[in-house]
Amino acid sequence: MDADLDQAPPAAGGDASLATSYLSAESVDQGPAPDLGWLIDEAALPQVPRVRLLLRLWVSERGRIDRVMLMEADPPGPWADRAIEPLPDTLMRPAQRGGKAVPATAVVEITADLESMR
C-alpha cells in the first residue's frame, strides 16, 4: 500500500459512497479545514473552565466528514462522545494535492474556554 494512503475504519452502516483510501495530512498541499467553524453540541460540554478534544477526521474530496475518531478528551468522560455527534455536519474545505480536491485524514484539536463563554 502507498505510504501516503490511509485506510478508513469500517463504515458504520456500510455506506458504499465513502472513499476507501484517504491521503495522510503529510502528503497533501493543504489539509481539510472547516468553512465556518466546528459544529459541536455545546450543551454536552462539562462545566469546567476549559475542555479539549483531540480528533482524527476522514474528510472526502467533497469536504464531507466521513469518519470521526475521538483520540483524547480533557477532562475525560462520556461528554466527549455526545459533544462530537453533530461534527460530521461541519462544512469543510477538502484537502488539496496538486490543485485537486482529494480525500484526506487530519488530526485536529478543538478547545473551548468555557470561562469566556459565560
PDB file of N, CA and C in Angstrom:
ATOM      1  N   MET A   1       0.838  -1.176   0.000  1.00  0.00           N
ATOM      2  CA  MET A   1       0.000   0.000   0.000  1.00  0.00           C
ATOM      3  C   MET A   1       0.882   1.237   0.000  1.00  0.00           C
ATOM      4  N   ASP A   2       0.482   2.266  -0.708  1.00  0.00           N
ATOM      5  CA  ASP A   2       1.176   3.539  -0.771  1.00  0.00           C
ATOM      6  C   ASP A   2       1.263   4.132   0.631  1.00  0.00           C
ATOM      7  N   ALA A   3       2.451   4.569   1.042  1.00  0.00           N
ATOM      8  CA  ALA A   3       2.638   5.125   2.381  1.00  0.00           C
ATOM      9  C   ALA A   3       1.843   6.406   2.576  1.00  0.00           C
ATOM     10  N   ASP A   4       1.427   7.071   1.489  1.00  0.00           N
ATOM     11  CA  ASP A   4       0.653   8.299   1.595  1.00  0.00           C
ATOM     12  C   ASP A   4      -0.827   8.049   1.827  1.00  0.00           C
ATOM     13  N   LEU A   5      -1.263   6.797   1.716  1.00  0.00           N
ATOM     14  CA  LEU A   5      -2.681   6.483   1.845  1.00  0.00           C
ATOM     15  C   LEU A   5      -2.984   5.915   3.218  1.00  0.00           C
ATOM     16  N   ASP A   6      -4.181   6.174   3.680  1.00  0.00           N
ATOM     17  CA  ASP A   6      -4.629   5.685   4.967  1.00  0.00           C
ATOM     18  C   ASP A   6      -5.982   5.040   4.766  1.00  0.00           C
ATOM     19  N   GLN A   7      -6.153   3.850   5.284  1.00  0.00           N
ATOM     20  CA  GLN A   7      -7.432   3.171   5.172  1.00  0.00           C
ATOM     21  C   GLN A   7      -8.411   3.754   6.185  1.00  0.00           C
ATOM     22  N   ALA A   8      -9.618   3.923   5.757  1.00  0.00           N
ATOM     23  CA  ALA A   8     -10.666   4.367   6.672  1.00  0.00           C
ATOM     24  C   ALA A   8     -11.097   3.197   7.534  1.00  0.00           C
ATOM     25  N   PRO A   9     -11.554   3.478   8.756  1.00  0.00           N
ATOM     26  CA  PRO A   9     -12.090   2.393   9.567  1.00  0.00           C
ATOM     27  C   PRO A   9     -13.373   1.867   8.933  1.00  0.00           C
ATOM     28  N   PRO A  10     -13.844   0.705   9.336  1.00  0.00           N
ATOM     29  CA  PRO A  10     -15.067   0.156   8.733  1.00  0.00           C
ATOM     30  C   PRO A  10     -16.226   1.141   8.812  1.00  0.00           C
ATOM     31  N   ALA A  11     -17.010   1.195   7.757  1.00  0.00           N
ATOM     32  CA  ALA A  11     -18.131   2.130   7.686  1.00  0.00           C
ATOM     33  C   ALA A  11     -19.224   1.722   8.648  1.00  0.00           C
ATOM     34  N   ALA A  12     -19.715   2.692   9.401  1.00  0.00           N
ATOM     35  CA  ALA A  12     -20.884   2.455  10.244  1.00  0.00           C
ATOM     36  C   ALA A  12     -22.088   2.447   9.319  1.00  0.00           C
ATOM     37  N   GLY A  13     -22.805   1.358   9.266  1.00  0.00           N
ATOM     38  CA  GLY A  13     -23.960   1.271   8.387  1.00  0.00           C
ATOM     39  C   GLY A  13     -23.609   0.881   6.968  1.00  0.00           C
ATOM     40  N   GLY A  14     -22.318   0.692   6.653  1.00  0.00           N
ATOM     41  CA  GLY A  14     -21.916   0.205   5.347  1.00  0.00           C
ATOM     42  C   GLY A  14     -22.160   1.152   4.195  1.00  0.00           C
ATOM     43  N   ASP A  15     -21.956   2.440   4.371  1.00  0.00           N
ATOM     44  CA  ASP A  15     -22.160   3.430   3.314  1.00  0.00           C
ATOM     45  C   ASP A  15     -21.117   3.230   2.213  1.00  0.00           C
ATOM     46  N   ALA A  16     -21.531   2.723   1.064  1.00  0.00           N
ATOM     47  CA  ALA A  16     -20.614   2.398  -0.028  1.00  0.00           C
ATOM     48  C   ALA A  16     -20.093   3.630  -0.748  1.00  0.00           C
ATOM     49  N   SER A  17     -20.647   4.818  -0.451  1.00  0.00           N
ATOM     50  CA  SER A  17     -20.206   6.016  -1.146  1.00  0.00           C
ATOM     51  C   SER A  17     -18.950   6.628  -0.524  1.00  0.00           C
ATOM     52  N   LEU A  18     -18.496   6.107   0.604  1.00  0.00           N
ATOM     53  CA  LEU A  18     -17.322   6.656   1.263  1.00  0.00           C
ATOM     54  C   LEU A  18     -16.062   6.248   0.511  1.00  0.00           C
ATOM     55  N   ALA A  19     -15.058   7.132   0.543  1.00  0.00           N
ATOM     56  CA  ALA A  19     -13.772   6.787  -0.054  1.00  0.00           C
ATOM     57  C   ALA A  19     -13.184   5.611   0.725  1.00  0.00           C
ATOM     58  N   THR A  20     -12.421   4.771   0.063  1.00  0.00           N
ATOM     59  CA  THR A  20     -11.803   3.647   0.762  1.00  0.00           C
ATOM     60  C   THR A  20     -10.396   3.989   1.225  1.00  0.00           C
ATOM     61  N   SER A  21      -9.757   4.967   0.595  1.00  0.00           N
ATOM     62  CA  SER A  21      -8.416   5.392   0.988  1.00  0.00           C
ATOM     63  C   SER A  21      -8.374   6.903   1.080  1.00  0.00           C
ATOM     64  N   TYR A  22      -7.644   7.376   2.076  1.00  0.00           N
ATOM     65  CA  TYR A  22      -7.516   8.804   2.326  1.00  0.00           C
ATOM     66  C   TYR A  22      -6.034   9.133   2.403  1.00  0.00           C
ATOM     67  N   LEU A  23      -5.636  10.237   1.819  1.00  0.00           N
ATOM     68  CA  LEU A  23      -4.243  10.665   1.899  1.00  0.00           C
ATOM     69  C   LEU A  23      -3.936  11.134   3.308  1.00  0.00           C
ATOM     70  N   SER A  24      -2.714  10.921   3.746  1.00  0.00           N
ATOM     71  CA  SER A  24      -2.305  11.403   5.058  1.00  0.00           C
ATOM     72  C   SER A  24      -2.108  12.910   5.003  1.00  0.00           C
ATOM     73  N   ALA A  25      -2.204  13.549   6.140  1.00  0.00           N
ATOM     74  CA  ALA A  25      -2.046  15.010   6.218  1.00  0.00           C
ATOM     75  C   ALA A  25      -0.690  15.461   5.684  1.00  0.00           C
ATOM     76  N   GLU A  26       0.326  14.624   5.849  1.00  0.00           N
ATOM     77  CA  GLU A  26       1.675  14.989   5.407  1.00  0.00           C
ATOM     78  C   GLU A  26       1.830  14.951   3.888  1.00  0.00           C
ATOM     79  N   SER A  27       0.912  14.274   3.195  1.00  0.00           N
ATOM     80  CA  SER A  27       1.077  14.108   1.752  1.00  0.00           C
ATOM     81  C   SER A  27       0.174  15.016   0.924  1.00  0.00           C
ATOM     82  N   VAL A  28      -0.489  15.977   1.552  1.00  0.00           N
ATOM     83  CA  VAL A  28      -1.321  16.916   0.809  1.00  0.00           C
ATOM     84  C   VAL A  28      -0.711  18.307   0.891  1.00  0.00           C
ATOM     85  N   ASP A  29      -1.047  19.140  -0.087  1.00  0.00           N
ATOM     86  CA  ASP A  29      -0.528  20.513  -0.095  1.00  0.00           C
ATOM     87  C   ASP A  29      -1.252  21.375   0.929  1.00  0.00           C
ATOM     88  N   GLN A  30      -2.532  21.117   1.093  1.00  0.00           N
ATOM     89  CA  GLN A  30      -3.350  21.853   2.048  1.00  0.00           C
ATOM     90  C   GLN A  30      -4.336  20.877   2.674  1.00  0.00           C
ATOM     91  N   GLY A  31      -4.367  20.838   3.986  1.00  0.00           N
ATOM     92  CA  GLY A  31      -5.262  19.914   4.679  1.00  0.00           C
ATOM     93  C   GLY A  31      -6.697  20.399   4.693  1.00  0.00           C
ATOM     94  N   PRO A  32      -7.619  19.507   5.016  1.00  0.00           N
ATOM     95  CA  PRO A  32      -9.015  19.911   5.125  1.00  0.00           C
ATOM     96  C   PRO A  32      -9.194  20.876   6.293  1.00  0.00           C
ATOM     97  N   ALA A  33     -10.166  21.778   6.158  1.00  0.00           N
ATOM     98  CA  ALA A  33     -10.413  22.778   7.209  1.00  0.00           C
ATOM     99  C   ALA A  33     -11.886  23.149   7.208  1.00  0.00           C
ATOM    100  N   PRO A  34     -12.419  23.501   8.376  1.00  0.00           N
ATOM    101  CA  PRO A  34     -13.835  23.890   8.425  1.00  0.00           C
ATOM    102  C   PRO A  34     -14.047  25.224   7.725  1.00  0.00           C
ATOM    103  N   ASP A  35     -15.184  25.355   7.035  1.00  0.00           N
ATOM    104  CA  ASP A  35     -15.520  26.618   6.381  1.00  0.00           C
ATOM    105  C   ASP A  35     -15.840  27.708   7.392  1.00  0.00           C
ATOM    106  N   LEU A  36     -16.683  27.384   8.361  1.00  0.00           N
ATOM    107  CA  LEU A  36     -17.171  28.405   9.295  1.00  0.00           C
ATOM    108  C   LEU A  36     -16.836  28.118  10.744  1.00  0.00           C
ATOM    109  N   GLY A  37     -16.425  26.956  11.075  1.00  0.00           N
ATOM    110  CA  GLY A  37     -16.172  26.565  12.456  1.00  0.00           C
ATOM    111  C   GLY A  37     -16.720  25.179  12.697  1.00  0.00           C
ATOM    112  N   TRP A  38     -16.376  24.612  13.831  1.00  0.00           N
ATOM    113  CA  TRP A  38     -16.763  23.247  14.152  1.00  0.00           C
ATOM    114  C   TRP A  38     -18.162  23.211  14.736  1.00  0.00           C
ATOM    115  N   LEU A  39     -18.953  22.228  14.317  1.00  0.00           N
ATOM    116  CA  LEU A  39     -20.273  22.005  14.899  1.00  0.00           C
ATOM    117  C   LEU A  39     -20.134  20.970  16.011  1.00  0.00           C
ATOM    118  N   ILE A  40     -20.315  21.417  17.244  1.00  0.00           N
ATOM    119  CA  ILE A  40     -20.307  20.504  18.382  1.00  0.00           C
ATOM    120  C   ILE A  40     -21.531  20.797  19.235  1.00  0.00           C
ATOM    121  N   ASP A  41     -21.901  19.854  20.057  1.00  0.00           N
ATOM    122  CA  ASP A  41     -23.032  20.021  20.972  1.00  0.00           C
ATOM    123  C   ASP A  41     -22.513  20.695  22.235  1.00  0.00           C
ATOM    124  N   GLU A  42     -22.650  22.006  22.296  1.00  0.00           N
ATOM    125  CA  GLU A  42     -22.126  22.765  23.435  1.00  0.00           C
ATOM    126  C   GLU A  42     -22.827  22.400  24.731  1.00  0.00           C
ATOM    127  N   ALA A  43     -24.077  21.957  24.657  1.00  0.00           N
ATOM    128  CA  ALA A  43     -24.806  21.564  25.864  1.00  0.00           C
ATOM    129  C   ALA A  43     -24.181  20.331  26.522  1.00  0.00           C
ATOM    130  N   ALA A  44     -23.433  19.540  25.763  1.00  0.00           N
ATOM    131  CA  ALA A  44     -22.797  18.340  26.306  1.00  0.00           C
ATOM    132  C   ALA A  44     -21.482  18.638  27.017  1.00  0.00           C
ATOM    133  N   LEU A  45     -20.950  19.843  26.863  1.00  0.00           N
ATOM    134  CA  LEU A  45     -19.658  20.171  27.467  1.00  0.00           C
ATOM    135  C   LEU A  45     -19.779  20.208  28.988  1.00  0.00           C
ATOM    136  N   PRO A  46     -18.790  19.665  29.687  1.00  0.00           N
ATOM    137  CA  PRO A  46     -18.839  19.681  31.147  1.00  0.00           C
ATOM    138  C   PRO A  46     -18.646  21.105  31.677  1.00  0.00           C
ATOM    139  N   GLN A  47     -19.103  21.339  32.867  1.00  0.00           N
ATOM    140  CA  GLN A  47     -18.994  22.663  33.482  1.00  0.00           C
ATOM    141  C   GLN A  47     -17.637  22.813  34.165  1.00  0.00           C
ATOM    142  N   VAL A  48     -16.620  22.953  33.350  1.00  0.00           N
ATOM    143  CA  VAL A  48     -15.248  23.167  33.813  1.00  0.00           C
ATOM    144  C   VAL A  48     -14.704  24.363  33.041  1.00  0.00           C
ATOM    145  N   PRO A  49     -13.619  24.971  33.514  1.00  0.00           N
ATOM    146  CA  PRO A  49     -13.112  26.170  32.836  1.00  0.00           C
ATOM    147  C   PRO A  49     -12.706  25.958  31.378  1.00  0.00           C
ATOM    148  N   ARG A  50     -12.166  24.775  31.061  1.00  0.00           N
ATOM    149  CA  ARG A  50     -11.649  24.558  29.709  1.00  0.00           C
ATOM    150  C   ARG A  50     -11.793  23.096  29.322  1.00  0.00           C
ATOM    151  N   VAL A  51     -12.163  22.849  28.052  1.00  0.00           N
ATOM    152  CA  VAL A  51     -12.233  21.483  27.541  1.00  0.00           C
ATOM    153  C   VAL A  51     -11.369  21.384  26.284  1.00  0.00           C
ATOM    154  N   ARG A  52     -10.902  20.172  26.035  1.00  0.00           N
ATOM    155  CA  ARG A  52     -10.041  19.933  24.871  1.00  0.00           C
ATOM    156  C   ARG A  52     -10.401  18.582  24.279  1.00  0.00           C
ATOM    157  N   LEU A  53     -10.539  18.560  22.957  1.00  0.00           N
ATOM    158  CA  LEU A  53     -10.790  17.327  22.218  1.00  0.00           C
ATOM    159  C   LEU A  53      -9.696  17.158  21.169  1.00  0.00           C
ATOM    160  N   LEU A  54      -9.153  15.975  21.074  1.00  0.00           N
ATOM    161  CA  LEU A  54      -8.209  15.639  20.021  1.00  0.00           C
ATOM    162  C   LEU A  54      -8.898  14.587  19.166  1.00  0.00           C
ATOM    163  N   LEU A  55      -9.072  14.891  17.880  1.00  0.00           N
ATOM    164  CA  LEU A  55      -9.862  14.061  16.982  1.00  0.00           C
ATOM    165  C   LEU A  55      -9.097  13.730  15.719  1.00  0.00           C
ATOM    166  N   ARG A  56      -9.390  12.580  15.168  1.00  0.00           N
ATOM    167  CA  ARG A  56      -8.898  12.238  13.834  1.00  0.00           C
ATOM    168  C   ARG A  56     -10.108  12.213  12.920  1.00  0.00           C
ATOM    169  N   LEU A  57      -9.998  12.929  11.807  1.00  0.00           N
ATOM    170  CA  LEU A  57     -11.092  13.041  10.844  1.00  0.00           C
ATOM    171  C   LEU A  57     -10.694  12.415   9.522  1.00  0.00           C
ATOM    172  N   TRP A  58     -11.655  11.819   8.853  1.00  0.00           N
ATOM    173  CA  TRP A  58     -11.512  11.340   7.485  1.00  0.00           C
ATOM    174  C   TRP A  58     -12.453  12.214   6.658  1.00  0.00           C
ATOM    175  N   VAL A  59     -11.884  13.040   5.780  1.00  0.00           N
ATOM    176  CA  VAL A  59     -12.670  14.024   5.030  1.00  0.00           C
ATOM    177  C   VAL A  59     -12.611  13.686   3.535  1.00  0.00           C
ATOM    178  N   SER A  60     -13.787  13.620   2.915  1.00  0.00           N
ATOM    179  CA  SER A  60     -13.873  13.260   1.495  1.00  0.00           C
ATOM    180  C   SER A  60     -13.381  14.399   0.605  1.00  0.00           C
ATOM    181  N   GLU A  61     -13.218  14.089  -0.679  1.00  0.00           N
ATOM    182  CA  GLU A  61     -12.827  15.113  -1.653  1.00  0.00           C
ATOM    183  C   GLU A  61     -13.946  16.132  -1.865  1.00  0.00           C
ATOM    184  N   ARG A  62     -15.139  15.845  -1.364  1.00  0.00           N
ATOM    185  CA  ARG A  62     -16.260  16.802  -1.443  1.00  0.00           C
ATOM    186  C   ARG A  62     -16.337  17.678  -0.196  1.00  0.00           C
ATOM    187  N   GLY A  63     -15.481  17.405   0.790  1.00  0.00           N
ATOM    188  CA  GLY A  63     -15.491  18.184   2.018  1.00  0.00           C
ATOM    189  C   GLY A  63     -16.440  17.647   3.069  1.00  0.00           C
ATOM    190  N   ARG A  64     -16.846  16.411   2.923  1.00  0.00           N
ATOM    191  CA  ARG A  64     -17.728  15.794   3.905  1.00  0.00           C
ATOM    192  C   ARG A  64     -16.888  15.009   4.915  1.00  0.00           C
ATOM    193  N   ILE A  65     -17.202  15.166   6.195  1.00  0.00           N
ATOM    194  CA  ILE A  65     -16.522  14.366   7.218  1.00  0.00           C
ATOM    195  C   ILE A  65     -17.153  12.978   7.198  1.00  0.00           C
ATOM    196  N   ASP A  66     -16.377  12.000   6.716  1.00  0.00           N
ATOM    197  CA  ASP A  66     -16.864  10.633   6.606  1.00  0.00           C
ATOM    198  C   ASP A  66     -16.761   9.876   7.920  1.00  0.00           C
ATOM    199  N   ARG A  67     -15.733  10.145   8.698  1.00  0.00           N
ATOM    200  CA  ARG A  67     -15.494   9.451   9.965  1.00  0.00           C
ATOM    201  C   ARG A  67     -14.895  10.423  10.974  1.00  0.00           C
ATOM    202  N   VAL A  68     -15.173  10.151  12.245  1.00  0.00           N
ATOM    203  CA  VAL A  68     -14.582  10.901  13.354  1.00  0.00           C
ATOM    204  C   VAL A  68     -14.107   9.872  14.375  1.00  0.00           C
ATOM    205  N   MET A  69     -12.878  10.008  14.823  1.00  0.00           N
ATOM    206  CA  MET A  69     -12.370   9.150  15.887  1.00  0.00           C
ATOM    207  C   MET A  69     -11.896  10.050  17.026  1.00  0.00           C
ATOM    208  N   LEU A  70     -12.476   9.855  18.195  1.00  0.00           N
ATOM    209  CA  LEU A  70     -12.051  10.578  19.382  1.00  0.00           C
ATOM    210  C   LEU A  70     -10.756   9.956  19.877  1.00  0.00           C
ATOM    211  N   MET A  71      -9.684  10.742  19.880  1.00  0.00           N
ATOM    212  CA  MET A  71      -8.389  10.249  20.323  1.00  0.00           C
ATOM    213  C   MET A  71      -8.146  10.575  21.796  1.00  0.00           C
ATOM    214  N   GLU A  72      -8.646  11.752  22.221  1.00  0.00           N
ATOM    215  CA  GLU A  72      -8.401  12.183  23.593  1.00  0.00           C
ATOM    216  C   GLU A  72      -9.420  13.244  23.966  1.00  0.00           C
ATOM    217  N   ALA A  73      -9.829  13.248  25.221  1.00  0.00           N
ATOM    218  CA  ALA A  73     -10.726  14.277  25.744  1.00  0.00           C
ATOM    219  C   ALA A  73     -10.200  14.714  27.103  1.00  0.00           C
ATOM    220  N   ASP A  74     -10.204  16.018  27.330  1.00  0.00           N
ATOM    221  CA  ASP A  74      -9.772  16.565  28.610  1.00  0.00           C
ATOM    222  C   ASP A  74     -10.789  17.602  29.058  1.00  0.00           C
ATOM    223  N   PRO A  75     -11.503  17.336  30.133  1.00  0.00           N
ATOM    224  CA  PRO A  75     -11.387  16.184  31.016  1.00  0.00           C
ATOM    225  C   PRO A  75     -11.977  14.941  30.357  1.00  0.00           C
ATOM    226  N   PRO A  76     -11.507  13.763  30.769  1.00  0.00           N
ATOM    227  CA  PRO A  76     -12.056  12.529  30.211  1.00  0.00           C
ATOM    228  C   PRO A  76     -13.510  12.349  30.641  1.00  0.00           C
ATOM    229  N   GLY A  77     -14.258  11.635  29.840  1.00  0.00           N
ATOM    230  CA  GLY A  77     -15.633  11.336  30.216  1.00  0.00           C
ATOM    231  C   GLY A  77     -16.535  11.140  29.025  1.00  0.00           C
ATOM    232  N   PRO A  78     -17.748  10.656  29.275  1.00  0.00           N
ATOM    233  CA  PRO A  78     -18.696  10.369  28.191  1.00  0.00           C
ATOM    234  C   PRO A  78     -19.232  11.624  27.503  1.00  0.00           C
ATOM    235  N   TRP A  79     -19.035  12.786  28.080  1.00  0.00           N
ATOM    236  CA  TRP A  79     -19.492  14.035  27.460  1.00  0.00           C
ATOM    237  C   TRP A  79     -18.913  14.203  26.063  1.00  0.00           C
ATOM    238  N   ALA A  80     -17.687  13.734  25.851  1.00  0.00           N
ATOM    239  CA  ALA A  80     -16.988  13.977  24.588  1.00  0.00           C
ATOM    240  C   ALA A  80     -17.709  13.322  23.413  1.00  0.00           C
ATOM    241  N   ASP A  81     -18.168  12.087  23.589  1.00  0.00           N
ATOM    242  CA  ASP A  81     -18.886  11.407  22.511  1.00  0.00           C
ATOM    243  C   ASP A  81     -20.163  12.168  22.153  1.00  0.00           C
ATOM    244  N   ARG A  82     -20.862  12.663  23.168  1.00  0.00           N
ATOM    245  CA  ARG A  82     -22.084  13.440  22.897  1.00  0.00           C
ATOM    246  C   ARG A  82     -21.745  14.766  22.221  1.00  0.00           C
ATOM    247  N   ALA A  83     -20.663  15.385  22.650  1.00  0.00           N
ATOM    248  CA  ALA A  83     -20.291  16.700  22.102  1.00  0.00           C
ATOM    249  C   ALA A  83     -19.941  16.635  20.622  1.00  0.00           C
ATOM    250  N   ILE A  84     -19.370  15.517  20.160  1.00  0.00           N
ATOM    251  CA  ILE A  84     -18.938  15.438  18.755  1.00  0.00           C
ATOM    252  C   ILE A  84     -19.984  14.821  17.831  1.00  0.00           C
ATOM    253  N   GLU A  85     -21.143  14.434  18.358  1.00  0.00           N
ATOM    254  CA  GLU A  85     -22.176  13.847  17.493  1.00  0.00           C
ATOM    255  C   GLU A  85     -22.517  14.712  16.281  1.00  0.00           C
ATOM    256  N   PRO A  86     -22.674  16.044  16.410  1.00  0.00           N
ATOM    257  CA  PRO A  86     -23.012  16.857  15.231  1.00  0.00           C
ATOM    258  C   PRO A  86     -21.810  17.192  14.338  1.00  0.00           C
ATOM    259  N   LEU A  87     -20.608  16.809  14.734  1.00  0.00           N
ATOM    260  CA  LEU A  87     -19.402  17.187  13.993  1.00  0.00           C
ATOM    261  C   LEU A  87     -19.426  16.814  12.510  1.00  0.00           C
ATOM    262  N   PRO A  88     -19.950  15.649  12.101  1.00  0.00           N
ATOM    263  CA  PRO A  88     -19.972  15.322  10.668  1.00  0.00           C
ATOM    264  C   PRO A  88     -20.767  16.306   9.811  1.00  0.00           C
ATOM    265  N   ASP A  89     -21.610  17.125  10.423  1.00  0.00           N
ATOM    266  CA  ASP A  89     -22.364  18.129   9.664  1.00  0.00           C
ATOM    267  C   ASP A  89     -21.576  19.419   9.432  1.00  0.00           C
ATOM    268  N   THR A  90     -20.350  19.485   9.946  1.00  0.00           N
ATOM    269  CA  THR A  90     -19.494  20.657   9.738  1.00  0.00           C
ATOM    270  C   THR A  90     -19.167  20.793   8.253  1.00  0.00           C
ATOM    271  N   LEU A  91     -19.370  21.980   7.689  1.00  0.00           N
ATOM    272  CA  LEU A  91     -18.996  22.234   6.295  1.00  0.00           C
ATOM    273  C   LEU A  91     -17.481  22.378   6.220  1.00  0.00           C
ATOM    274  N   MET A  92     -16.870  21.588   5.346  1.00  0.00           N
ATOM    275  CA  MET A  92     -15.409  21.557   5.259  1.00  0.00           C
ATOM    276  C   MET A  92     -14.928  21.938   3.865  1.00  0.00           C
ATOM    277  N   ARG A  93     -13.732  22.529   3.830  1.00  0.00           N
ATOM    278  CA  ARG A  93     -12.991  22.667   2.576  1.00  0.00           C
ATOM    279  C   ARG A  93     -12.129  21.412   2.484  1.00  0.00           C
ATOM    280  N   PRO A  94     -12.212  20.677   1.368  1.00  0.00           N
ATOM    281  CA  PRO A  94     -11.437  19.430   1.276  1.00  0.00           C
ATOM    282  C   PRO A  94      -9.942  19.703   1.171  1.00  0.00           C
ATOM    283  N   ALA A  95      -9.169  18.677   1.435  1.00  0.00           N
ATOM    284  CA  ALA A  95      -7.723  18.756   1.256  1.00  0.00           C
ATOM    285  C   ALA A  95      -7.413  18.963  -0.223  1.00  0.00           C
ATOM    286  N   GLN A  96      -6.254  19.540  -0.495  1.00  0.00           N
ATOM    287  CA  GLN A  96      -5.809  19.795  -1.862  1.00  0.00           C
ATOM    288  C   GLN A  96      -4.442  19.150  -2.081  1.00  0.00           C
ATOM    289  N   ARG A  97      -4.293  18.536  -3.246  1.00  0.00           N
ATOM    290  CA  ARG A  97      -2.996  17.992  -3.663  1.00  0.00           C
ATOM    291  C   ARG A  97      -2.875  18.235  -5.149  1.00  0.00           C
ATOM    292  N   GLY A  98      -1.865  18.989  -5.530  1.00  0.00           N
ATOM    293  CA  GLY A  98      -1.675  19.308  -6.941  1.00  0.00           C
ATOM    294  C   GLY A  98      -2.832  20.092  -7.524  1.00  0.00           C
ATOM    295  N   GLY A  99      -3.475  20.927  -6.711  1.00  0.00           N
ATOM    296  CA  GLY A  99      -4.585  21.747  -7.181  1.00  0.00           C
ATOM    297  C   GLY A  99      -5.909  21.006  -7.306  1.00  0.00           C
ATOM    298  N   LYS A 100      -5.965  19.780  -6.816  1.00  0.00           N
ATOM    299  CA  LYS A 100      -7.166  18.954  -6.932  1.00  0.00           C
ATOM    300  C   LYS A 100      -7.659  18.563  -5.540  1.00  0.00           C
ATOM    301  N   ALA A 101      -8.975  18.583  -5.345  1.00  0.00           N
ATOM    302  CA  ALA A 101      -9.562  18.134  -4.080  1.00  0.00           C
ATOM    303  C   ALA A 101      -9.366  16.627  -3.938  1.00  0.00           C
ATOM    304  N   VAL A 102      -8.905  16.197  -2.758  1.00  0.00           N
ATOM    305  CA  VAL A 102      -8.624  14.787  -2.509  1.00  0.00           C
ATOM    306  C   VAL A 102      -9.143  14.394  -1.128  1.00  0.00           C
ATOM    307  N   PRO A 103      -9.478  13.107  -0.937  1.00  0.00           N
ATOM    308  CA  PRO A 103      -9.845  12.652   0.407  1.00  0.00           C
ATOM    309  C   PRO A 103      -8.588  12.574   1.277  1.00  0.00           C
ATOM    310  N   ALA A 104      -8.698  13.015   2.521  1.00  0.00           N
ATOM    311  CA  ALA A 104      -7.521  13.032   3.393  1.00  0.00           C
ATOM    312  C   ALA A 104      -7.938  12.917   4.858  1.00  0.00           C
ATOM    313  N   THR A 105      -6.977  12.506   5.659  1.00  0.00           N
ATOM    314  CA  THR A 105      -7.174  12.478   7.106  1.00  0.00           C
ATOM    315  C   THR A 105      -6.565  13.732   7.713  1.00  0.00           C
ATOM    316  N   ALA A 106      -7.037  14.058   8.890  1.00  0.00           N
ATOM    317  CA  ALA A 106      -6.479  15.191   9.627  1.00  0.00           C
ATOM    318  C   ALA A 106      -6.668  14.931  11.111  1.00  0.00           C
ATOM    319  N   VAL A 107      -5.683  15.296  11.896  1.00  0.00           N
ATOM    320  CA  VAL A 107      -5.815  15.288  13.350  1.00  0.00           C
ATOM    321  C   VAL A 107      -6.030  16.730  13.763  1.00  0.00           C
ATOM    322  N   VAL A 108      -7.129  16.969  14.481  1.00  0.00           N
ATOM    323  CA  VAL A 108      -7.471  18.331  14.876  1.00  0.00           C
ATOM    324  C   VAL A 108      -7.680  18.397  16.382  1.00  0.00           C
ATOM    325  N   GLU A 109      -7.392  19.562  16.925  1.00  0.00           N
ATOM    326  CA  GLU A 109      -7.629  19.836  18.329  1.00  0.00           C
ATOM    327  C   GLU A 109      -8.704  20.910  18.413  1.00  0.00           C
ATOM    328  N   ILE A 110      -9.732  20.627  19.183  1.00  0.00           N
ATOM    329  CA  ILE A 110     -10.794  21.597  19.412  1.00  0.00           C
ATOM    330  C   ILE A 110     -10.782  21.919  20.898  1.00  0.00           C
ATOM    331  N   THR A 111     -10.664  23.202  21.202  1.00  0.00           N
ATOM    332  CA  THR A 111     -10.684  23.620  22.597  1.00  0.00           C
ATOM    333  C   THR A 111     -11.799  24.626  22.801  1.00  0.00           C
ATOM    334  N   ALA A 112     -12.298  24.655  24.003  1.00  0.00           N
ATOM    335  CA  ALA A 112     -13.313  25.639  24.359  1.00  0.00           C
ATOM    336  C   ALA A 112     -12.950  26.188  25.728  1.00  0.00           C
ATOM    337  N   ASP A 113     -12.816  27.507  25.786  1.00  0.00           N
ATOM    338  CA  ASP A 113     -12.578  28.194  27.046  1.00  0.00           C
ATOM    339  C   ASP A 113     -13.941  28.587  27.579  1.00  0.00           C
ATOM    340  N   LEU A 114     -14.475  27.769  28.464  1.00  0.00           N
ATOM    341  CA  LEU A 114     -15.834  27.959  28.940  1.00  0.00           C
ATOM    342  C   LEU A 114     -15.967  29.166  29.863  1.00  0.00           C
ATOM    343  N   GLU A 115     -14.868  29.589  30.466  1.00  0.00           N
ATOM    344  CA  GLU A 115     -14.905  30.791  31.301  1.00  0.00           C
ATOM    345  C   GLU A 115     -15.269  32.008  30.464  1.00  0.00           C
ATOM    346  N   SER A 116     -14.733  32.092  29.257  1.00  0.00           N
ATOM    347  CA  SER A 116     -15.006  33.256  28.408  1.00  0.00           C
ATOM    348  C   SER A 116     -16.388  33.162  27.754  1.00  0.00           C
ATOM    349  N   MET A 117     -16.987  31.945  27.738  1.00  0.00           N
ATOM    350  CA  MET A 117     -18.304  31.773  27.129  1.00  0.00           C
ATOM    351  C   MET A 117     -19.431  32.138  28.096  1.00  0.00           C
ATOM    352  N   ARG A 118     -19.104  32.255  29.378  1.00  0.00           N
ATOM    353  CA  ARG A 118     -20.148  32.543  30.389  1.00  0.00           C
ATOM    354  C   ARG A 118     -20.451  34.011  30.462  1.00  0.00           C
TER     355      ARG A 118
END
